[in-house]
Protein backbone atom coordinates (compact mmCIF):
# COMPACT_ATOMS: atom_id res chain seq x y z
CA MET A 1 -1.63 -33.60 -4.41
CA GLY A 2 -1.60 -32.43 -0.79
CA CYS A 3 0.51 -29.72 0.89
CA ALA A 4 2.44 -30.68 4.02
CA ILE A 5 2.61 -28.18 6.93
CA ASN A 6 6.25 -27.61 7.90
CA GLN A 7 7.10 -27.37 11.62
CA GLY A 8 10.88 -26.88 11.08
CA HIS A 9 13.32 -23.95 11.16
CA ASN A 10 12.22 -22.41 7.87
CA LYS A 11 8.53 -23.20 8.36
CA GLY A 12 7.55 -19.54 7.73
CA HIS A 13 8.78 -19.62 4.08
CA GLU A 14 7.50 -23.11 3.42
CA ASN A 15 4.09 -22.49 5.00
CA ARG A 16 3.70 -19.34 2.95
CA LEU A 17 4.41 -21.37 -0.25
CA CYS A 18 1.95 -23.97 0.85
CA ALA A 19 -0.70 -21.45 1.51
CA GLY A 20 0.00 -19.60 -1.81
CA LEU A 21 -1.18 -22.74 -3.62
CA ASP A 22 -4.53 -22.29 -2.06
CA LEU A 23 -5.36 -19.09 -4.03
CA GLY A 24 -8.05 -20.04 -6.55
CA HIS A 25 -7.51 -23.81 -5.81
CA THR A 26 -10.43 -26.15 -5.03
CA ASP A 27 -8.43 -29.08 -3.70
CA LYS A 28 -9.85 -29.91 -0.25
CA VAL A 29 -6.43 -30.79 1.18
CA LEU A 30 -5.15 -27.33 0.30
CA HIS A 31 -8.19 -25.68 1.94
CA ASP A 32 -7.51 -27.89 4.91
CA ALA A 33 -3.98 -26.55 5.01
CA ALA A 34 -5.28 -23.04 5.22
CA ASP A 35 -7.54 -24.03 8.05
CA ILE A 36 -4.51 -25.27 9.96
CA LEU A 37 -2.23 -22.46 9.21
CA ALA A 38 -4.57 -19.58 10.30
CA PRO A 39 -4.89 -20.58 13.96
CA LYS A 40 -1.21 -21.46 14.12
CA GLU A 41 -0.22 -17.96 12.97
CA PRO A 42 -3.15 -15.81 14.14
CA GLN A 43 -1.40 -12.52 13.33
CA ASN A 44 -0.80 -13.42 9.64
CA PRO A 45 -3.49 -11.66 7.64
CA PHE A 46 -2.58 -13.64 4.50
CA PHE A 47 -3.31 -16.94 6.16
CA ALA A 48 -6.49 -15.45 7.70
CA TYR A 49 -7.54 -14.40 4.19
CA LEU A 50 -7.07 -17.89 2.83
CA ASN A 51 -9.05 -19.22 5.73
CA GLN A 52 -11.92 -16.65 5.82
CA GLY A 53 -11.83 -14.58 2.65
CA ALA A 54 -12.01 -10.76 2.50
CA THR A 55 -13.61 -10.25 5.99
CA ASP A 56 -13.57 -7.16 8.12
CA TYR A 57 -11.29 -9.08 10.53
CA VAL A 58 -8.68 -9.63 7.87
CA ARG A 59 -8.90 -6.06 6.68
CA ASP A 60 -8.49 -4.72 10.24
CA LEU A 61 -5.57 -7.08 11.00
CA THR A 62 -3.76 -5.90 7.80
CA LEU A 63 -4.25 -2.14 8.80
CA GLN A 64 -3.12 -2.93 12.35
CA LEU A 65 0.17 -4.56 11.26
CA CYS A 66 1.12 -2.46 8.20
CA PRO A 67 2.95 0.77 8.50
CA ALA A 68 0.44 3.64 8.76
CA THR A 69 2.59 6.74 9.15
CA VAL A 70 5.82 8.16 7.75
CA GLU A 71 7.39 7.43 11.16
CA ASP A 72 6.39 3.87 10.93
CA VAL A 73 8.03 3.57 7.53
CA GLN A 74 11.24 5.31 8.71
CA LYS A 75 11.50 2.78 11.58
CA SER A 76 11.33 -0.12 9.07
CA THR A 77 14.39 -1.68 7.25
CA LEU A 78 11.90 -2.27 4.35
CA SER A 79 13.39 -5.75 4.02
CA GLU A 80 10.70 -8.28 4.91
CA TRP A 81 7.71 -9.86 3.11
CA ALA A 82 6.13 -10.19 6.45
CA TRP A 83 3.51 -12.87 5.55
CA GLU A 84 6.22 -15.50 4.81
CA ARG A 85 7.49 -15.20 8.35
CA THR A 86 6.14 -16.67 11.64
CA ASP A 87 4.26 -14.43 14.10
CA SER A 88 7.00 -14.72 16.64
CA GLU A 89 9.49 -13.02 14.24
CA MET A 90 7.23 -9.91 14.09
CA ALA A 91 8.51 -9.35 10.52
CA TRP A 92 5.81 -6.70 9.86
CA GLU A 93 7.95 -4.29 11.89
CA ASN A 94 10.32 -4.26 8.89
CA SER A 95 7.75 -4.66 6.09
CA MET A 96 8.92 -3.95 2.65
CA LEU A 97 5.50 -2.42 2.01
CA TRP A 98 4.70 -4.59 -1.06
CA ASP A 99 3.43 -7.26 1.27
CA CYS A 100 0.85 -4.68 2.58
CA ILE A 101 0.09 -3.65 -1.01
CA PHE A 102 -0.49 -7.24 -1.88
CA MET A 103 -3.02 -7.59 0.96
CA ALA A 104 -4.72 -4.32 -0.10
CA ASN A 105 -5.14 -5.72 -3.56
CA LEU A 106 -6.92 -8.80 -2.30
CA PHE A 107 -9.70 -6.31 -1.10
CA THR A 108 -9.70 -4.38 -4.39
CA ASP A 109 -11.45 -4.98 -7.68
CA LEU A 110 -8.45 -5.13 -9.88
CA ASP A 111 -10.50 -4.93 -13.01
CA ALA A 112 -11.98 -1.65 -12.09
CA PRO A 113 -10.54 1.34 -14.03
CA VAL A 114 -8.37 3.67 -11.99
CA SER A 115 -9.96 7.03 -11.19
CA ILE A 116 -9.25 9.92 -8.98
CA ASN A 117 -11.96 10.53 -6.28
CA TYR A 118 -10.65 13.96 -5.29
CA PHE A 119 -7.40 16.07 -5.34
CA ARG A 120 -6.65 19.06 -3.10
CA SER A 121 -3.53 21.01 -2.55
CA GLY A 122 -2.51 23.76 -0.15
CA PRO A 123 -1.89 26.18 1.40
CA SER A 124 -2.12 28.79 -1.26
CA PRO A 125 -0.19 30.92 -1.20
CA PHE A 126 2.44 28.44 0.14
CA SER A 127 5.98 28.96 1.47
CA ASP A 128 8.21 25.96 2.47
CA HIS A 129 5.88 23.12 1.56
CA ILE A 130 2.64 22.06 0.06
CA ASN A 131 0.30 19.22 1.23
CA CYS A 132 -1.44 17.26 -1.46
CA PHE A 133 -4.65 15.39 -0.44
CA PHE A 134 -6.20 12.76 -2.64
CA LYS A 135 -8.06 9.49 -2.87
CA ILE A 136 -8.07 7.00 -5.70
CA ASN A 137 -10.43 4.05 -6.13
CA VAL A 138 -7.87 1.24 -6.52
CA THR A 139 -4.29 0.69 -5.44
CA ALA A 140 -2.17 2.14 -8.14
CA GLN A 141 0.97 4.14 -9.04
CA VAL A 142 0.43 7.91 -8.36
CA THR A 143 2.56 10.66 -9.66
CA ILE A 144 2.31 14.36 -8.57
CA LYS A 145 4.23 17.01 -10.58
CA MET A 146 4.55 20.70 -10.12
CA PHE A 147 5.40 23.03 -13.05
CA ASN A 148 6.32 26.72 -13.05
CA ILE A 149 4.59 29.36 -15.19
CA ASN A 150 7.01 28.51 -18.09
CA GLY A 151 5.99 24.83 -18.09
CA ASN A 152 9.28 23.61 -16.48
CA LEU A 153 8.98 20.67 -14.14
CA VAL A 154 10.27 21.80 -10.73
CA LEU A 155 9.02 19.08 -8.34
CA GLU A 156 7.88 15.43 -8.77
CA LYS A 157 6.91 12.56 -6.48
CA SER A 158 5.80 9.08 -7.58
CA ASP A 159 4.75 6.17 -5.32
CA ILE A 160 2.16 3.49 -4.83
CA ALA A 161 -1.04 4.67 -3.16
CA VAL A 162 -3.65 2.41 -1.62
CA GLY A 163 -7.10 2.55 -3.06
CA GLY A 164 -10.06 3.80 -1.06
CA GLN A 165 -7.91 5.61 1.53
CA ASP A 166 -7.56 9.33 2.09
CA THR A 167 -3.88 10.03 1.34
CA GLN A 168 -1.61 13.04 2.09
CA TRP A 169 1.77 13.70 0.60
CA THR A 170 3.89 16.68 1.57
CA LEU A 171 6.31 18.25 -0.88
CA ASP A 172 9.24 20.47 0.07
CA THR A 173 9.04 23.80 -1.80
CA THR A 174 11.79 25.73 0.05
CA LYS A 175 13.93 25.96 -3.10
CA LEU A 176 11.18 27.33 -5.30
CA SER A 177 11.10 31.10 -5.99
CA SER A 178 7.94 33.16 -5.67
CA GLY A 179 5.47 32.88 -8.55
CA VAL A 180 2.55 30.85 -9.96
CA TYR A 181 2.76 27.06 -10.21
CA PHE A 182 0.61 24.32 -11.55
CA THR A 183 0.31 21.09 -9.52
CA TYR A 184 -0.90 17.90 -11.43
CA ILE A 185 -1.76 14.42 -10.11
CA TYR A 186 -1.56 11.57 -12.63
CA VAL A 187 -3.15 8.17 -12.07
CA GLY A 188 -3.45 5.86 -15.02
CA SER A 189 -4.90 7.93 -17.89
CA GLU A 190 -6.43 10.41 -15.44
CA TYR A 191 -5.11 13.61 -14.18
CA ARG A 192 -6.23 16.79 -12.26
CA GLU A 193 -4.72 20.18 -12.03
CA ILE A 194 -4.44 22.94 -9.38
CA LYS A 195 -3.15 26.45 -9.83
CA MET A 196 -1.14 27.61 -6.84
CA ALA A 197 1.11 30.55 -5.82
CA LYS A 198 4.23 30.84 -3.60
CA SER A 199 4.55 34.07 -1.70
C-alpha cells in the first residue's frame, strides 16, 4: 500500500510517520515518498537519510543541527523530536536530544560490543572540579563515579554519550575534602579506573 504526502497543517507529524515506514521497506511507492520528502524539507537529516543513506552529507547536517555544547543544550526546552517537524519550525533549536541520538545510531553498528577507547581525568591534584575525557565506540549509557579512600561513593554522573566522539564531562568537586579518590567510568560491562588526589 502507498503512503500519501500530507500538505496540511500537521504535515510534519504525518510526513515523519510516512517516512518512518520506509526504514527497511522495499516498496517502491515508499521509496518514492522518501525521494519527495527530502527536497521538500532539505534541513531534515532523517528524510535525507531515507533518501541517500548514511552519507557524509547526512552526518554533517545532523552535526550542524544537533546541540553541540552545554550552552546549546541550556538554550533548548528539550521538548521537540525535531525530525517530525517542518524545516520552517526550526524545531531542532529545542531538540529533546533523543532525536539526535536516533540519528547517531543510524551511523553506528548497533551489534558491535560497547568498549571504551580511552579515559582520562584531571587535573590531579584537583580543587573545585575535575574534567573527564573519554571516547566510546558506540552510542551508549555512560556512568562516571568517584569514590573516596574508604570506598564511599561521593560523586556520580550518568548520561548518554555518542559513539566515536571525543567527550568531556566536568564534575563539581568543591564539596569534597582533601584526600585520595578513585574515579571510574562504566560502559556496558567495561570499566576503567583513575586514582586522583584533591589538594
